[in-house]
Each structure stands twice: as structure tokens, then as C-alpha cells.
């Protein structure tokens, strides 16, 4: 199978099994765009024509089988994070220590404030 035919087959598979996480609309072939490949993992941008949501979908191929992961990352976020090093144990420990010492309101560090109780 040539590369273009393989790409189209994968996109058809994605379209058949994936709906928009926001509104539930079925994607069409034109809503999916391959934005990167690394070995057996493909990164695709999906755009919902119904609610205009954009998201990232990762598809991993292994011996003829495909497993996809639909994320809430936008294609721009994917580009920003894909070259970053993995989160290390030291990163987790540092974050844990910071959170343990944090005495403020989480609304101060979130983009959207927490709802009033």
C-alpha cells in the first residue's frame, strides 16, 4: 500500500470511530489533517464543523492494528510540547513540594476562576 493510500485508510478509520468530544458530531474526512508522524505514531488535527472545536488525535499503529487517542490539546499546543523533554521524577517532586507549600486559592493560578460555593 502506498503512503497516500495508507494515510487515507487511517483517516477513514478515524472518521468511522471518532466523534467530537464537545458536541458529539461525526467527523468527515475533510475534518482530519495529519500534522506529524514519528515511527508508528501519527499526530492529527481534527476540527469539528459543527461547534468549531479543534483537538489533537494521536494514532499508534502496531502490526496492522491502530489505537487512537483523542486529546484536548490544540495543534498549536502539540507543536509547543512535542519537542519538550518528558516530565522527570525531579519535575514531579518539585511540583509536589510547591503544591504542598502553596497556601493560596487555586483561582489565582487557573485561567478561569473556580465557581463560588
Protein backbone atom coordinates (compact mmCIF):
# COMPACT_ATOMS: atom_id res chain seq x y z
CA UNK A 1 0.00 0.00 0.00
CA UNK A 2 1.49 3.38 -0.95
CA UNK A 3 1.84 6.16 1.63
CA UNK A 4 -1.12 8.24 0.35
CA UNK A 5 -3.44 5.21 0.35
CA UNK A 6 -2.29 4.32 3.87
CA UNK A 7 -2.93 7.88 5.05
CA UNK A 8 -6.43 7.87 3.56
CA UNK A 9 -7.20 4.46 5.11
CA UNK A 10 -6.14 5.68 8.54
CA UNK A 11 -8.20 8.86 8.22
CA UNK A 12 -11.26 6.81 7.15
CA UNK A 13 -10.77 4.63 10.24
CA UNK A 14 -10.55 7.70 12.47
CA UNK A 15 -13.68 9.21 10.92
CA UNK A 16 -15.62 5.97 11.40
CA UNK A 17 -14.79 5.69 15.11
CA UNK A 18 -14.34 9.21 16.48
CA UNK A 19 -16.83 11.92 17.39
CA UNK A 20 -16.27 15.47 18.62
CA UNK A 21 -15.75 15.37 22.39
CA UNK A 22 -17.67 18.64 22.79
CA UNK A 23 -20.82 18.21 20.67
CA UNK A 24 -20.73 14.55 19.55
CA UNK A 25 -20.74 15.41 15.84
CA UNK A 26 -19.22 12.83 13.47
CA UNK A 27 -16.07 13.98 11.72
CA UNK A 28 -15.72 13.85 7.95
CA UNK A 29 -12.55 13.04 6.02
CA UNK A 30 -12.02 16.77 5.41
CA UNK A 31 -12.03 17.44 9.18
CA UNK A 32 -8.84 15.42 9.77
CA UNK A 33 -5.34 16.60 8.85
CA UNK A 34 -2.07 14.74 9.50
CA UNK A 35 0.33 17.16 11.21
CA UNK A 36 3.17 14.80 12.06
CA UNK A 37 4.49 11.26 12.19
CA UNK A 38 7.15 9.63 14.29
CA UNK A 39 7.78 5.94 13.74
CA UNK A 40 4.37 4.27 14.28
CA UNK A 41 2.64 7.27 15.91
CA UNK A 42 0.67 9.77 13.84
CA UNK A 43 -0.49 13.16 15.13
CA UNK A 44 -3.62 14.55 13.51
CA UNK A 45 -5.53 17.78 13.87
CA UNK A 46 -9.31 17.33 13.95
CA UNK A 47 -11.73 20.22 13.50
CA UNK A 48 -15.43 19.98 14.20
CA UNK A 49 -17.54 21.71 11.57
CA UNK A 50 -20.48 21.83 13.98
CA UNK A 51 -19.02 23.55 17.09
CA UNK A 52 -15.63 24.69 15.68
CA UNK A 53 -13.65 22.77 18.31
CA UNK A 54 -10.09 21.85 17.35
CA UNK A 55 -8.26 18.99 19.00
CA UNK A 56 -5.33 16.67 18.61
CA UNK A 57 -5.73 13.00 17.87
CA UNK A 58 -2.84 10.55 18.19
CA UNK A 59 -2.96 7.22 16.40
CA UNK A 60 -0.47 4.44 17.13
CA UNK A 61 -0.04 1.59 14.65
CA UNK A 62 1.27 -1.81 15.67
CA UNK A 63 1.32 -4.78 13.29
CA UNK A 64 -1.72 -3.71 11.29
CA UNK A 65 -3.77 -2.60 14.31
CA UNK A 66 -4.43 1.02 15.20
CA UNK A 67 -5.15 2.57 18.58
CA UNK A 68 -6.19 6.23 18.66
CA UNK A 69 -6.14 8.78 21.47
CA UNK A 70 -8.28 11.90 21.23
CA UNK A 71 -6.88 14.72 23.36
CA UNK A 72 -7.90 18.24 24.25
CA UNK A 73 -4.57 19.64 23.04
CA UNK A 74 -4.83 22.01 20.13
CA UNK A 75 -2.44 21.60 17.19
CA UNK A 76 -0.54 24.70 18.43
CA UNK A 77 -0.14 23.15 21.88
CA UNK A 78 1.01 19.90 20.28
CA UNK A 79 3.70 21.80 18.36
CA UNK A 80 4.81 23.56 21.55
CA UNK A 81 5.02 20.39 23.67
CA UNK A 82 6.17 17.73 21.23
CA UNK A 83 9.83 18.73 21.31
CA UNK A 84 9.93 19.23 25.07
CA UNK A 85 11.67 16.62 27.21
CA UNK A 86 9.47 14.17 29.14
CA UNK A 87 8.38 15.03 32.67
CA UNK A 88 11.06 13.70 35.00
CA UNK A 89 10.83 12.33 38.53
CA UNK A 90 12.55 15.52 39.71
CA UNK A 91 9.86 17.60 37.98
CA UNK A 92 7.13 15.68 39.82
CA UNK A 93 8.90 16.05 43.18
CA UNK A 94 9.41 19.79 42.62
CA UNK A 95 5.74 20.24 41.70
CA UNK A 96 4.66 18.19 44.74
CA UNK A 97 6.79 20.31 47.05
CA UNK A 98 5.44 23.51 45.53
CA UNK A 99 1.82 22.35 45.90
CA UNK A 100 2.40 21.17 49.45
CA UNK A 101 3.71 24.60 50.43
CA UNK A 102 1.07 26.53 48.45
CA UNK A 103 -1.42 28.30 50.72
CA UNK A 104 -3.29 30.42 48.21
CA UNK A 105 -6.53 29.97 46.33
CA UNK A 106 -6.28 27.87 43.16
CA UNK A 107 -8.28 30.56 41.37
CA UNK A 108 -5.11 32.66 41.49
CA UNK A 109 -3.26 30.23 39.21
CA UNK A 110 -6.07 28.97 36.96
CA UNK A 111 -7.07 30.69 33.74
CA UNK A 112 -10.72 30.53 34.79
CA UNK A 113 -11.65 31.11 38.43
CA UNK A 114 -13.30 28.36 40.43
CA UNK A 115 -17.08 28.79 40.85
CA UNK A 116 -18.30 30.33 44.07
CA UNK A 117 -19.75 27.85 46.55
